[in-house]
Each structure stands twice: as C-alpha cells, then as structure tokens.
Protein backbone atom coordinates (compact mmCIF):
# COMPACT_ATOMS: atom_id res chain seq x y z
CA UNK A 1 31.09 33.33 -16.57
CA UNK A 2 31.23 36.12 -14.03
CA UNK A 3 28.53 36.59 -11.38
CA UNK A 4 28.30 39.82 -9.40
CA UNK A 5 25.98 40.50 -6.49
CA UNK A 6 25.55 44.17 -5.61
CA UNK A 7 25.38 43.94 -1.84
CA UNK A 8 24.30 47.56 -1.59
CA UNK A 9 21.17 46.74 -3.61
CA UNK A 10 20.38 43.22 -2.33
CA UNK A 11 17.36 43.08 0.00
CA UNK A 12 17.71 39.39 0.91
CA UNK A 13 14.56 38.20 -0.87
CA UNK A 14 16.26 34.84 -1.47
CA UNK A 15 14.85 34.23 -4.94
CA UNK A 16 18.33 33.50 -6.28
CA UNK A 17 18.98 30.85 -3.61
CA UNK A 18 15.61 29.26 -4.33
CA UNK A 19 16.20 29.26 -8.09
CA UNK A 20 19.85 28.13 -8.21
CA UNK A 21 20.79 26.75 -4.76
CA UNK A 22 24.04 25.21 -6.00
CA UNK A 23 25.30 28.69 -6.88
CA UNK A 24 23.59 31.13 -4.51
CA UNK A 25 23.03 31.08 -0.77
CA UNK A 26 22.32 33.65 1.92
CA UNK A 27 24.79 34.89 4.51
CA UNK A 28 24.07 35.17 8.24
CA UNK A 29 22.33 38.50 7.67
CA UNK A 30 20.08 37.04 4.97
CA UNK A 31 21.79 38.68 1.99
CA UNK A 32 22.75 36.79 -1.15
CA UNK A 33 26.20 35.40 -1.63
CA UNK A 34 27.81 32.72 -3.77
CA UNK A 35 28.24 29.18 -2.48
CA UNK A 36 31.77 27.97 -1.78
CA UNK A 37 31.66 25.60 -4.75
CA UNK A 38 29.77 27.87 -7.17
CA UNK A 39 32.62 27.67 -9.70
CA UNK A 40 31.76 24.00 -10.24
CA UNK A 41 28.27 24.99 -11.41
CA UNK A 42 28.90 27.95 -13.72
CA UNK A 43 27.29 26.11 -16.66
CA UNK A 44 23.98 25.88 -14.79
CA UNK A 45 21.31 27.62 -16.92
CA UNK A 46 19.43 28.51 -13.74
CA UNK A 47 22.05 31.16 -12.92
CA UNK A 48 20.58 33.56 -15.47
CA UNK A 49 17.07 32.70 -14.29
CA UNK A 50 18.14 33.48 -10.72
CA UNK A 51 19.44 36.88 -11.84
CA UNK A 52 16.12 37.59 -13.57
CA UNK A 53 14.21 36.48 -10.47
CA UNK A 54 15.95 39.05 -8.26
CA UNK A 55 13.30 41.66 -7.44
CA UNK A 56 15.86 44.47 -7.22
CA UNK A 57 18.22 43.35 -10.03
CA UNK A 58 21.16 42.98 -7.65
CA UNK A 59 22.70 40.14 -9.68
CA UNK A 60 24.55 40.57 -12.96
CA UNK A 61 25.82 37.67 -15.03
CA UNK A 62 28.35 38.08 -17.77
C-alpha cells in the first residue's frame, strides 16, 4: 500500500493522526506526516478512514 500526503494541500487539521495514530503524526509545524514505523501498520483499515477524514483530501491511499 502506498500513502501520499500532499504537503501543499495539508492544513494540519490532525484528523488523520487522531484516526490512525500508528500511521500518521504531525511534524513540528503541525502538518501531517507518516510515523517512523508506519510500514509495520500498512494493513490497518483505519488508514483509508484517515484519508477520508482529511477535510482537504490531502491524503491518497493506493
């Protein structure tokens, strides 16, 4: 599974980190990024839910 975060679109709402905290976190500026061990959790069904929860559709999952 591939996860992309469009950093030009992300507004730092944090819905992804709240929905799938083992995969998403926020950087020092508050924008979404992947956790260091996100590859260990790629089967987590909450990843797609986190992408849907993004208010600006900055996350794509494929």
